[in-house]
């Protein structure tokens, strides 16, 4: 693990990400997890229509399946009433729109059988310009906690990375930074 000095402190660097490798990482991530653009469109349509019941349930199912949570999707849909899911997505959307991204993820986590990983996936596809996915892969590799403060810290780090990468890749969104980090950790 690389060690650096920053602000007169020794820093253990757990991940190095070069601007030059971002396009390749994003391309490989898109191949490993196809369908992200379609889910972003579904999320935009869901939000634009005011998060209606049937669309909310279909969206949650599609996002959980995209995230390879097939074993959880039945429990999420069976153990939460349609109105609960819809209400959670409506409230999360309102929080996302006011910049309270970590609170939006926490609100989604209040649904039964929906942990931080899948709650953050739903938030990310509802508003990819402001939300990121924080799952076990990233938490384990980089040491973020599985709580609202841990999500907020990771989001802040992705936003700071986005600002540093902007001169090289002005088209990047915060969710793209997270996807590149995920791909780098996974080694593809």
N, C-alpha and C. Protein backbone atom coordinates (compact mmCIF):
# COMPACT_ATOMS: atom_id res chain seq x y z
N UNK A 1 0.85 -1.17 0.00
CA UNK A 1 0.00 0.00 0.00
C UNK A 1 0.90 1.24 0.00
N UNK A 2 0.68 2.15 -0.94
CA UNK A 2 1.50 3.37 -0.99
C UNK A 2 1.28 4.25 0.23
N UNK A 3 2.35 4.91 0.62
CA UNK A 3 2.30 5.84 1.75
C UNK A 3 2.73 7.20 1.21
N UNK A 4 2.01 8.23 1.64
CA UNK A 4 2.33 9.59 1.21
C UNK A 4 2.28 10.51 2.41
N UNK A 5 2.84 11.69 2.25
CA UNK A 5 2.74 12.70 3.28
C UNK A 5 1.78 13.77 2.78
N UNK A 6 0.83 14.12 3.60
CA UNK A 6 -0.18 15.11 3.25
C UNK A 6 -0.48 15.93 4.49
N UNK A 7 -0.34 17.23 4.38
CA UNK A 7 -0.60 18.12 5.52
C UNK A 7 0.17 17.69 6.76
N UNK A 8 1.44 17.34 6.57
CA UNK A 8 2.34 16.93 7.64
C UNK A 8 1.87 15.67 8.36
N UNK A 9 1.09 14.83 7.66
CA UNK A 9 0.65 13.57 8.22
C UNK A 9 1.00 12.44 7.26
N UNK A 10 1.23 11.26 7.81
CA UNK A 10 1.47 10.09 6.99
C UNK A 10 0.11 9.54 6.56
N UNK A 11 -0.04 9.30 5.27
CA UNK A 11 -1.31 8.84 4.72
C UNK A 11 -1.09 7.49 4.05
N UNK A 12 -1.93 6.52 4.38
CA UNK A 12 -1.89 5.21 3.73
C UNK A 12 -2.88 5.26 2.58
N UNK A 13 -2.37 5.19 1.37
CA UNK A 13 -3.20 5.33 0.17
C UNK A 13 -3.73 3.95 -0.21
N UNK A 14 -5.04 3.81 -0.21
CA UNK A 14 -5.65 2.52 -0.48
C UNK A 14 -6.05 2.34 -1.94
N UNK A 15 -6.06 3.42 -2.70
CA UNK A 15 -6.44 3.32 -4.11
C UNK A 15 -5.83 4.50 -4.86
N UNK A 16 -5.22 4.21 -5.99
CA UNK A 16 -4.70 5.25 -6.86
C UNK A 16 -5.48 5.19 -8.16
N UNK A 17 -5.91 6.33 -8.64
CA UNK A 17 -6.73 6.40 -9.85
C UNK A 17 -6.16 7.49 -10.75
N UNK A 18 -5.71 7.10 -11.92
CA UNK A 18 -5.13 8.04 -12.87
C UNK A 18 -6.22 8.55 -13.81
N UNK A 19 -6.22 9.84 -14.14
CA UNK A 19 -7.20 10.35 -15.11
C UNK A 19 -7.19 9.58 -16.43
N UNK A 20 -6.02 9.12 -16.84
CA UNK A 20 -5.90 8.41 -18.12
C UNK A 20 -6.62 7.07 -18.12
N UNK A 21 -6.79 6.46 -16.96
CA UNK A 21 -7.42 5.14 -16.92
C UNK A 21 -8.94 5.19 -16.78
N UNK A 22 -9.50 6.35 -16.53
CA UNK A 22 -10.95 6.48 -16.30
C UNK A 22 -11.77 5.96 -17.49
N UNK A 23 -11.51 6.37 -18.73
CA UNK A 23 -12.34 5.89 -19.84
C UNK A 23 -12.36 4.36 -19.95
N UNK A 24 -11.22 3.73 -19.81
CA UNK A 24 -11.15 2.28 -19.88
C UNK A 24 -11.89 1.60 -18.75
N UNK A 25 -11.75 2.14 -17.54
CA UNK A 25 -12.46 1.59 -16.39
C UNK A 25 -13.97 1.69 -16.59
N UNK A 26 -14.43 2.83 -17.09
CA UNK A 26 -15.87 3.00 -17.31
C UNK A 26 -16.39 2.08 -18.42
N UNK A 27 -15.59 1.90 -19.43
CA UNK A 27 -15.99 1.00 -20.52
C UNK A 27 -16.10 -0.44 -20.02
N UNK A 28 -15.12 -0.87 -19.25
CA UNK A 28 -15.16 -2.25 -18.72
C UNK A 28 -16.29 -2.42 -17.72
N UNK A 29 -16.55 -1.39 -16.92
CA UNK A 29 -17.66 -1.46 -15.97
C UNK A 29 -19.00 -1.58 -16.71
N UNK A 30 -19.16 -0.83 -17.77
CA UNK A 30 -20.40 -0.89 -18.55
C UNK A 30 -20.60 -2.27 -19.18
N UNK A 31 -19.51 -2.93 -19.54
CA UNK A 31 -19.62 -4.28 -20.09
C UNK A 31 -19.98 -5.29 -19.02
N UNK A 32 -19.44 -5.12 -17.82
CA UNK A 32 -19.73 -6.03 -16.71
C UNK A 32 -21.15 -5.83 -16.17
N UNK A 33 -21.62 -4.59 -16.21
CA UNK A 33 -22.95 -4.23 -15.68
C UNK A 33 -23.73 -3.49 -16.76
N UNK A 34 -24.16 -4.19 -17.80
CA UNK A 34 -24.89 -3.52 -18.88
C UNK A 34 -26.26 -3.04 -18.41
N UNK A 35 -26.76 -2.04 -19.08
CA UNK A 35 -28.11 -1.56 -18.81
C UNK A 35 -28.20 -0.34 -17.91
N UNK A 36 -27.07 0.22 -17.52
CA UNK A 36 -27.11 1.38 -16.63
C UNK A 36 -27.80 2.57 -17.29
N UNK A 37 -27.52 2.82 -18.56
CA UNK A 37 -28.15 3.96 -19.25
C UNK A 37 -29.66 3.79 -19.31
N UNK A 38 -30.12 2.58 -19.56
CA UNK A 38 -31.56 2.33 -19.61
C UNK A 38 -32.19 2.54 -18.24
N UNK A 39 -31.49 2.13 -17.17
CA UNK A 39 -32.03 2.35 -15.82
C UNK A 39 -32.04 3.84 -15.47
N UNK A 40 -31.05 4.57 -15.94
CA UNK A 40 -31.07 6.02 -15.72
C UNK A 40 -32.28 6.65 -16.39
N UNK A 41 -32.59 6.19 -17.60
CA UNK A 41 -33.77 6.71 -18.31
C UNK A 41 -35.05 6.34 -17.57
N UNK A 42 -35.12 5.11 -17.06
CA UNK A 42 -36.30 4.69 -16.28
C UNK A 42 -36.42 5.53 -15.02
N UNK A 43 -35.30 5.80 -14.38
CA UNK A 43 -35.31 6.62 -13.17
C UNK A 43 -35.78 8.03 -13.47
N UNK A 44 -35.32 8.60 -14.57
CA UNK A 44 -35.75 9.95 -14.96
C UNK A 44 -37.25 9.97 -15.26
N UNK A 45 -37.73 8.95 -15.97
CA UNK A 45 -39.16 8.87 -16.29
C UNK A 45 -39.99 8.68 -15.02
N UNK A 46 -39.50 7.87 -14.09
CA UNK A 46 -40.18 7.66 -12.82
C UNK A 46 -40.34 8.97 -12.06
N UNK A 47 -39.26 9.70 -11.96
CA UNK A 47 -39.26 10.98 -11.24
C UNK A 47 -40.15 11.99 -11.96
N UNK A 48 -40.03 12.06 -13.27
CA UNK A 48 -40.81 13.02 -14.05
C UNK A 48 -42.31 12.77 -13.91
N UNK A 49 -42.71 11.50 -13.79
CA UNK A 49 -44.13 11.15 -13.66
C UNK A 49 -44.62 11.25 -12.22
N UNK A 50 -43.75 11.60 -11.29
CA UNK A 50 -44.18 11.77 -9.91
C UNK A 50 -44.13 10.51 -9.08
N UNK A 51 -43.34 9.54 -9.44
CA UNK A 51 -43.15 8.28 -8.72
C UNK A 51 -44.50 7.61 -8.43
N UNK A 52 -45.05 7.01 -9.45
CA UNK A 52 -46.32 6.29 -9.35
C UNK A 52 -46.08 4.84 -8.91
N UNK A 53 -47.09 4.21 -8.32
CA UNK A 53 -46.95 2.90 -7.67
C UNK A 53 -46.37 1.83 -8.59
N UNK A 54 -47.00 1.55 -9.71
CA UNK A 54 -46.56 0.46 -10.57
C UNK A 54 -45.14 0.71 -11.07
N UNK A 55 -44.87 1.92 -11.50
CA UNK A 55 -43.54 2.27 -12.00
C UNK A 55 -42.50 2.17 -10.89
N UNK A 56 -42.86 2.55 -9.67
CA UNK A 56 -41.93 2.47 -8.54
C UNK A 56 -41.55 1.02 -8.27
N UNK A 57 -42.52 0.13 -8.26
CA UNK A 57 -42.24 -1.28 -8.00
C UNK A 57 -41.37 -1.88 -9.12
N UNK A 58 -41.71 -1.56 -10.35
CA UNK A 58 -40.93 -2.07 -11.48
C UNK A 58 -39.51 -1.52 -11.45
N UNK A 59 -39.37 -0.27 -11.07
CA UNK A 59 -38.05 0.36 -11.00
C UNK A 59 -37.19 -0.30 -9.93
N UNK A 60 -37.75 -0.49 -8.75
CA UNK A 60 -37.01 -1.14 -7.66
C UNK A 60 -36.58 -2.54 -8.09
N UNK A 61 -37.48 -3.28 -8.69
CA UNK A 61 -37.14 -4.63 -9.14
C UNK A 61 -36.00 -4.59 -10.17
N UNK A 62 -36.10 -3.68 -11.13
CA UNK A 62 -35.07 -3.59 -12.18
C UNK A 62 -33.71 -3.21 -11.61
N UNK A 63 -33.68 -2.28 -10.67
CA UNK A 63 -32.41 -1.85 -10.08
C UNK A 63 -31.80 -2.98 -9.25
N UNK A 64 -32.60 -3.65 -8.45
CA UNK A 64 -32.08 -4.74 -7.63
C UNK A 64 -31.55 -5.86 -8.52
N UNK A 65 -32.26 -6.17 -9.58
CA UNK A 65 -31.79 -7.21 -10.50
C UNK A 65 -30.49 -6.75 -11.20
N UNK A 66 -30.42 -5.49 -11.62
CA UNK A 66 -29.21 -4.97 -12.25
C UNK A 66 -28.02 -5.15 -11.31
N UNK A 67 -28.25 -4.91 -10.03
CA UNK A 67 -27.19 -5.02 -9.03
C UNK A 67 -26.92 -6.45 -8.59
N UNK A 68 -27.48 -7.39 -9.31
CA UNK A 68 -27.28 -8.82 -9.06
C UNK A 68 -27.84 -9.26 -7.71
N UNK A 69 -28.99 -8.69 -7.39
CA UNK A 69 -29.67 -9.03 -6.14
C UNK A 69 -30.92 -9.86 -6.36
N UNK A 70 -30.87 -10.75 -7.33
CA UNK A 70 -32.03 -11.57 -7.66
C UNK A 70 -32.58 -12.30 -6.42
N UNK A 71 -31.71 -12.72 -5.53
CA UNK A 71 -32.17 -13.45 -4.35
C UNK A 71 -32.89 -12.54 -3.35
N UNK A 72 -32.73 -11.22 -3.48
CA UNK A 72 -33.37 -10.29 -2.55
C UNK A 72 -34.65 -9.68 -3.10
N UNK A 73 -34.78 -9.63 -4.41
CA UNK A 73 -35.85 -8.84 -5.01
C UNK A 73 -37.23 -9.30 -4.54
N UNK A 74 -37.44 -10.60 -4.43
CA UNK A 74 -38.74 -11.10 -3.97
C UNK A 74 -39.05 -10.66 -2.56
N UNK A 75 -38.04 -10.73 -1.69
CA UNK A 75 -38.24 -10.30 -0.30
C UNK A 75 -38.55 -8.81 -0.21
N UNK A 76 -37.83 -8.01 -0.96
CA UNK A 76 -38.07 -6.56 -0.93
C UNK A 76 -39.50 -6.26 -1.35
N UNK A 77 -39.93 -6.87 -2.45
CA UNK A 77 -41.27 -6.58 -2.96
C UNK A 77 -42.37 -7.22 -2.12
N UNK A 78 -42.10 -8.39 -1.54
CA UNK A 78 -43.12 -9.09 -0.73
C UNK A 78 -43.25 -8.54 0.68
N UNK A 79 -42.16 -8.04 1.24
CA UNK A 79 -42.16 -7.61 2.64
C UNK A 79 -42.41 -6.12 2.83
N UNK A 80 -42.64 -5.41 1.73
CA UNK A 80 -42.96 -3.99 1.79
C UNK A 80 -44.20 -3.76 0.94
N UNK A 81 -45.18 -3.09 1.51
CA UNK A 81 -46.39 -2.77 0.74
C UNK A 81 -46.03 -1.83 -0.41
N UNK A 82 -46.78 -1.92 -1.47
CA UNK A 82 -46.54 -1.07 -2.64
C UNK A 82 -46.51 0.41 -2.25
N UNK A 83 -47.40 0.79 -1.34
CA UNK A 83 -47.46 2.19 -0.90
C UNK A 83 -46.21 2.57 -0.10
N UNK A 84 -45.67 1.62 0.65
CA UNK A 84 -44.44 1.90 1.41
C UNK A 84 -43.28 2.15 0.46
N UNK A 85 -43.16 1.30 -0.55
CA UNK A 85 -42.08 1.46 -1.52
C UNK A 85 -42.23 2.78 -2.26
N UNK A 86 -43.43 3.05 -2.72
CA UNK A 86 -43.68 4.29 -3.46
C UNK A 86 -43.39 5.51 -2.59
N UNK A 87 -43.88 5.49 -1.36
CA UNK A 87 -43.64 6.60 -0.44
C UNK A 87 -42.16 6.81 -0.18
N UNK A 88 -41.42 5.72 0.01
CA UNK A 88 -39.98 5.83 0.25
C UNK A 88 -39.28 6.45 -0.95
N UNK A 89 -39.66 6.03 -2.16
CA UNK A 89 -39.04 6.60 -3.36
C UNK A 89 -39.42 8.08 -3.53
N UNK A 90 -40.67 8.43 -3.22
CA UNK A 90 -41.08 9.83 -3.31
C UNK A 90 -40.29 10.70 -2.33
N UNK A 91 -40.16 10.21 -1.09
CA UNK A 91 -39.41 10.96 -0.09
C UNK A 91 -37.93 11.03 -0.44
N UNK A 92 -37.38 9.94 -0.93
CA UNK A 92 -35.97 9.92 -1.34
C UNK A 92 -35.74 10.92 -2.48
N UNK A 93 -36.67 10.95 -3.42
CA UNK A 93 -36.54 11.89 -4.54
C UNK A 93 -36.53 13.33 -4.04
N UNK A 94 -37.40 13.65 -3.11
CA UNK A 94 -37.43 15.00 -2.55
C UNK A 94 -36.10 15.33 -1.86
N UNK A 95 -35.55 14.37 -1.14
CA UNK A 95 -34.26 14.58 -0.48
C UNK A 95 -33.13 14.73 -1.49
N UNK A 96 -33.14 13.91 -2.53
CA UNK A 96 -32.12 14.01 -3.58
C UNK A 96 -32.16 15.39 -4.23
N UNK A 97 -33.36 15.90 -4.46
CA UNK A 97 -33.52 17.19 -5.12
C UNK A 97 -33.07 18.37 -4.27
N UNK A 98 -32.94 18.15 -2.96
CA UNK A 98 -32.48 19.23 -2.08
C UNK A 98 -31.04 18.99 -1.61
N UNK A 99 -30.35 18.04 -2.26
CA UNK A 99 -28.96 17.79 -1.94
C UNK A 99 -28.71 16.94 -0.71
N UNK A 100 -29.75 16.36 -0.16
CA UNK A 100 -29.62 15.52 1.03
C UNK A 100 -29.50 14.05 0.61
N UNK A 101 -28.44 13.75 -0.11
CA UNK A 101 -28.27 12.45 -0.74
C UNK A 101 -28.14 11.34 0.28
N UNK A 102 -27.31 11.52 1.29
CA UNK A 102 -27.14 10.49 2.31
C UNK A 102 -28.45 10.23 3.05
N UNK A 103 -29.22 11.27 3.30
CA UNK A 103 -30.52 11.10 3.95
C UNK A 103 -31.48 10.34 3.04
N UNK A 104 -31.40 10.56 1.73
CA UNK A 104 -32.25 9.84 0.79
C UNK A 104 -31.93 8.35 0.83
N UNK A 105 -30.65 8.01 0.85
CA UNK A 105 -30.26 6.60 0.93
C UNK A 105 -30.75 6.00 2.25
N UNK A 106 -30.59 6.74 3.34
CA UNK A 106 -31.07 6.25 4.64
C UNK A 106 -32.58 6.05 4.63
N UNK A 107 -33.29 6.93 3.97
CA UNK A 107 -34.75 6.76 3.90
C UNK A 107 -35.10 5.49 3.14
N UNK A 108 -34.42 5.21 2.05
CA UNK A 108 -34.68 3.99 1.30
C UNK A 108 -34.31 2.74 2.11
N UNK A 109 -33.31 2.85 2.95
CA UNK A 109 -32.91 1.73 3.79
C UNK A 109 -33.96 1.37 4.83
N UNK A 110 -34.91 2.22 5.06
CA UNK A 110 -35.97 1.91 6.00
C UNK A 110 -36.92 0.84 5.47
N UNK A 111 -36.86 0.58 4.17
CA UNK A 111 -37.65 -0.51 3.61
C UNK A 111 -37.03 -1.83 4.05
N UNK A 112 -37.87 -2.81 4.33
CA UNK A 112 -37.38 -4.13 4.75
C UNK A 112 -36.57 -4.77 3.63
N UNK A 113 -35.48 -5.41 4.02
CA UNK A 113 -34.59 -6.15 3.11
C UNK A 113 -33.90 -5.26 2.08
N UNK A 114 -33.77 -3.99 2.38
CA UNK A 114 -33.06 -3.09 1.47
C UNK A 114 -31.94 -2.42 2.26
N UNK A 115 -30.74 -2.96 2.14
CA UNK A 115 -29.59 -2.40 2.84
C UNK A 115 -28.99 -1.23 2.07
N UNK A 116 -27.88 -0.75 2.58
CA UNK A 116 -27.24 0.42 1.99
C UNK A 116 -26.84 0.19 0.53
N UNK A 117 -26.36 -1.00 0.22
CA UNK A 117 -25.92 -1.27 -1.15
C UNK A 117 -27.04 -1.03 -2.15
N UNK A 118 -28.18 -1.66 -1.93
CA UNK A 118 -29.27 -1.53 -2.89
C UNK A 118 -30.02 -0.21 -2.75
N UNK A 119 -30.08 0.33 -1.55
CA UNK A 119 -30.70 1.65 -1.38
C UNK A 119 -29.90 2.70 -2.15
N UNK A 120 -28.58 2.60 -2.09
CA UNK A 120 -27.76 3.57 -2.82
C UNK A 120 -27.83 3.35 -4.33
N UNK A 121 -28.05 2.11 -4.76
CA UNK A 121 -28.24 1.85 -6.19
C UNK A 121 -29.52 2.52 -6.68
N UNK A 122 -30.58 2.41 -5.89
CA UNK A 122 -31.85 3.05 -6.27
C UNK A 122 -31.67 4.56 -6.35
N UNK A 123 -31.03 5.15 -5.34
CA UNK A 123 -30.81 6.60 -5.35
C UNK A 123 -29.96 7.01 -6.55
N UNK A 124 -28.93 6.22 -6.85
CA UNK A 124 -28.05 6.54 -7.96
C UNK A 124 -28.81 6.56 -9.28
N UNK A 125 -29.72 5.59 -9.49
CA UNK A 125 -30.45 5.57 -10.75
C UNK A 125 -31.62 6.55 -10.78
N UNK A 126 -32.04 7.02 -9.63
CA UNK A 126 -33.05 8.08 -9.60
C UNK A 126 -32.42 9.42 -9.96
N UNK A 127 -31.16 9.62 -9.52
CA UNK A 127 -30.49 10.90 -9.78
C UNK A 127 -28.98 10.68 -9.89
N UNK A 128 -28.53 10.22 -11.06
CA UNK A 128 -27.10 9.88 -11.23
C UNK A 128 -26.16 11.07 -11.16
N UNK A 129 -26.67 12.26 -11.26
CA UNK A 129 -25.81 13.44 -11.17
C UNK A 129 -25.38 13.74 -9.74
N UNK A 130 -26.12 13.21 -8.76
CA UNK A 130 -25.80 13.55 -7.37
C UNK A 130 -25.53 12.35 -6.48
N UNK A 131 -25.94 11.15 -6.87
CA UNK A 131 -25.83 9.99 -5.99
C UNK A 131 -24.82 8.98 -6.51
N UNK A 132 -24.23 8.24 -5.58
CA UNK A 132 -23.27 7.18 -5.88
C UNK A 132 -23.72 5.90 -5.19
N UNK A 133 -23.14 4.80 -5.62
CA UNK A 133 -23.41 3.51 -4.99
C UNK A 133 -22.30 3.23 -4.00
N UNK A 134 -22.68 2.89 -2.78
CA UNK A 134 -21.71 2.45 -1.77
C UNK A 134 -22.11 1.05 -1.36
N UNK A 135 -21.38 0.08 -1.87
CA UNK A 135 -21.68 -1.32 -1.57
C UNK A 135 -20.55 -1.94 -0.77
N UNK A 136 -20.69 -3.22 -0.51
CA UNK A 136 -19.72 -3.94 0.31
C UNK A 136 -18.33 -3.95 -0.33
N UNK A 137 -18.26 -4.01 -1.64
CA UNK A 137 -16.96 -4.04 -2.33
C UNK A 137 -16.17 -2.78 -1.99
N UNK A 138 -16.79 -1.63 -2.14
CA UNK A 138 -16.10 -0.37 -1.87
C UNK A 138 -15.88 -0.18 -0.38
N UNK A 139 -16.91 -0.49 0.42
CA UNK A 139 -16.74 -0.34 1.88
C UNK A 139 -15.56 -1.17 2.38
N UNK A 140 -15.49 -2.41 1.94
CA UNK A 140 -14.42 -3.30 2.41
C UNK A 140 -13.05 -2.85 1.94
N UNK A 141 -12.95 -2.45 0.69
CA UNK A 141 -11.66 -2.07 0.12
C UNK A 141 -11.14 -0.74 0.65
N UNK A 142 -12.05 0.19 0.89
CA UNK A 142 -11.62 1.55 1.24
C UNK A 142 -11.96 1.97 2.66
N UNK A 143 -12.71 1.15 3.38
CA UNK A 143 -12.93 1.40 4.80
C UNK A 143 -14.05 2.35 5.16
N UNK A 144 -15.02 2.53 4.28
CA UNK A 144 -16.17 3.38 4.63
C UNK A 144 -17.15 2.59 5.50
N UNK A 145 -17.78 3.28 6.43
CA UNK A 145 -18.76 2.63 7.31
C UNK A 145 -20.09 2.44 6.58
N UNK A 146 -20.85 1.47 7.04
CA UNK A 146 -22.16 1.19 6.47
C UNK A 146 -23.23 1.93 7.26
N UNK A 147 -23.17 3.24 7.19
CA UNK A 147 -24.17 4.09 7.83
C UNK A 147 -24.25 5.41 7.06
N UNK A 148 -25.11 6.29 7.50
CA UNK A 148 -25.32 7.54 6.78
C UNK A 148 -24.03 8.37 6.72
N UNK A 149 -23.28 8.39 7.81
CA UNK A 149 -22.03 9.15 7.83
C UNK A 149 -21.01 8.55 6.86
N UNK A 150 -20.95 7.23 6.78
CA UNK A 150 -20.04 6.58 5.84
C UNK A 150 -20.41 6.88 4.40
N UNK A 151 -21.72 6.87 4.12
CA UNK A 151 -22.16 7.21 2.76
C UNK A 151 -21.80 8.66 2.45
N UNK A 152 -22.06 9.56 3.39
CA UNK A 152 -21.77 10.98 3.17
C UNK A 152 -20.28 11.19 2.93
N UNK A 153 -19.44 10.47 3.66
CA UNK A 153 -17.99 10.60 3.48
C UNK A 153 -17.57 10.11 2.09
N UNK A 154 -18.11 8.96 1.66
CA UNK A 154 -17.76 8.45 0.35
C UNK A 154 -18.26 9.39 -0.75
N UNK A 155 -19.47 9.89 -0.61
CA UNK A 155 -20.02 10.84 -1.58
C UNK A 155 -19.12 12.08 -1.67
N UNK A 156 -18.72 12.60 -0.55
CA UNK A 156 -17.84 13.77 -0.52
C UNK A 156 -16.52 13.46 -1.23
N UNK A 157 -15.97 12.28 -0.98
CA UNK A 157 -14.72 11.90 -1.63
C UNK A 157 -14.89 11.76 -3.14
N UNK A 158 -16.03 11.23 -3.57
CA UNK A 158 -16.30 11.14 -5.01
C UNK A 158 -16.47 12.52 -5.63
N UNK A 159 -17.13 13.43 -4.91
CA UNK A 159 -17.30 14.80 -5.40
C UNK A 159 -15.94 15.50 -5.51
N UNK A 160 -15.09 15.30 -4.51
CA UNK A 160 -13.76 15.91 -4.54
C UNK A 160 -12.94 15.32 -5.69
N UNK A 161 -13.06 14.02 -5.91
CA UNK A 161 -12.36 13.38 -7.02
C UNK A 161 -12.87 13.91 -8.35
N UNK A 162 -14.17 14.10 -8.45
CA UNK A 162 -14.76 14.64 -9.67
C UNK A 162 -14.18 16.03 -9.97
N UNK A 163 -14.04 16.85 -8.96
CA UNK A 163 -13.47 18.19 -9.15
C UNK A 163 -12.02 18.10 -9.64
N UNK A 164 -11.26 17.15 -9.11
CA UNK A 164 -9.87 16.98 -9.55
C UNK A 164 -9.78 16.42 -10.97
N UNK A 165 -10.74 15.58 -11.34
CA UNK A 165 -10.74 14.96 -12.67
C UNK A 165 -11.35 15.85 -13.75
N UNK A 166 -12.11 16.86 -13.36
CA UNK A 166 -12.83 17.71 -14.31
C UNK A 166 -11.95 18.30 -15.42
N UNK A 167 -10.73 18.76 -15.12
CA UNK A 167 -9.91 19.29 -16.21
C UNK A 167 -9.57 18.24 -17.28
N UNK A 168 -9.57 16.99 -16.90
CA UNK A 168 -9.24 15.90 -17.83
C UNK A 168 -10.48 15.29 -18.48
N UNK A 169 -11.58 15.28 -17.73
CA UNK A 169 -12.82 14.61 -18.17
C UNK A 169 -14.02 15.45 -17.73
N UNK A 170 -14.31 16.48 -18.46
CA UNK A 170 -15.38 17.41 -18.06
C UNK A 170 -16.77 16.79 -18.13
N UNK A 171 -16.95 15.69 -18.86
CA UNK A 171 -18.26 15.07 -19.00
C UNK A 171 -18.60 14.12 -17.85
N UNK A 172 -17.66 13.84 -16.96
CA UNK A 172 -17.91 12.90 -15.87
C UNK A 172 -18.95 13.42 -14.90
N UNK A 173 -19.70 12.48 -14.36
CA UNK A 173 -20.64 12.76 -13.27
C UNK A 173 -20.11 12.06 -12.03
N UNK A 174 -20.64 12.40 -10.88
CA UNK A 174 -20.18 11.79 -9.64
C UNK A 174 -20.38 10.29 -9.66
N UNK A 175 -21.45 9.80 -10.27
CA UNK A 175 -21.68 8.35 -10.35
C UNK A 175 -20.64 7.68 -11.23
N UNK A 176 -20.08 8.39 -12.20
CA UNK A 176 -19.03 7.82 -13.04
C UNK A 176 -17.73 7.64 -12.25
N UNK A 177 -17.45 8.56 -11.37
CA UNK A 177 -16.27 8.44 -10.52
C UNK A 177 -16.42 7.18 -9.66
N UNK A 178 -17.59 7.00 -9.07
CA UNK A 178 -17.83 5.80 -8.25
C UNK A 178 -17.69 4.54 -9.08
N UNK A 179 -18.22 4.51 -10.31
CA UNK A 179 -18.12 3.33 -11.16
C UNK A 179 -16.66 3.02 -11.49
N UNK A 180 -15.86 4.04 -11.74
CA UNK A 180 -14.44 3.84 -12.01
C UNK A 180 -13.73 3.27 -10.79
N UNK A 181 -14.07 3.79 -9.62
CA UNK A 181 -13.48 3.27 -8.38
C UNK A 181 -13.84 1.80 -8.21
N UNK A 182 -15.11 1.47 -8.42
CA UNK A 182 -15.57 0.08 -8.30
C UNK A 182 -14.81 -0.82 -9.26
N UNK A 183 -14.69 -0.39 -10.51
CA UNK A 183 -13.98 -1.18 -11.52
C UNK A 183 -12.52 -1.38 -11.15
N UNK A 184 -11.89 -0.33 -10.65
CA UNK A 184 -10.49 -0.42 -10.26
C UNK A 184 -10.31 -1.41 -9.11
N UNK A 185 -11.18 -1.35 -8.13
CA UNK A 185 -11.11 -2.27 -6.99
C UNK A 185 -11.31 -3.71 -7.48
N UNK A 186 -12.26 -3.90 -8.38
CA UNK A 186 -12.57 -5.24 -8.89
C UNK A 186 -11.48 -5.77 -9.80
N UNK A 187 -10.65 -4.89 -10.31
CA UNK A 187 -9.53 -5.31 -11.13
C UNK A 187 -9.87 -5.62 -12.57
N UNK A 188 -10.91 -5.01 -13.09
CA UNK A 188 -11.21 -5.22 -14.51
C UNK A 188 -11.09 -3.93 -15.29
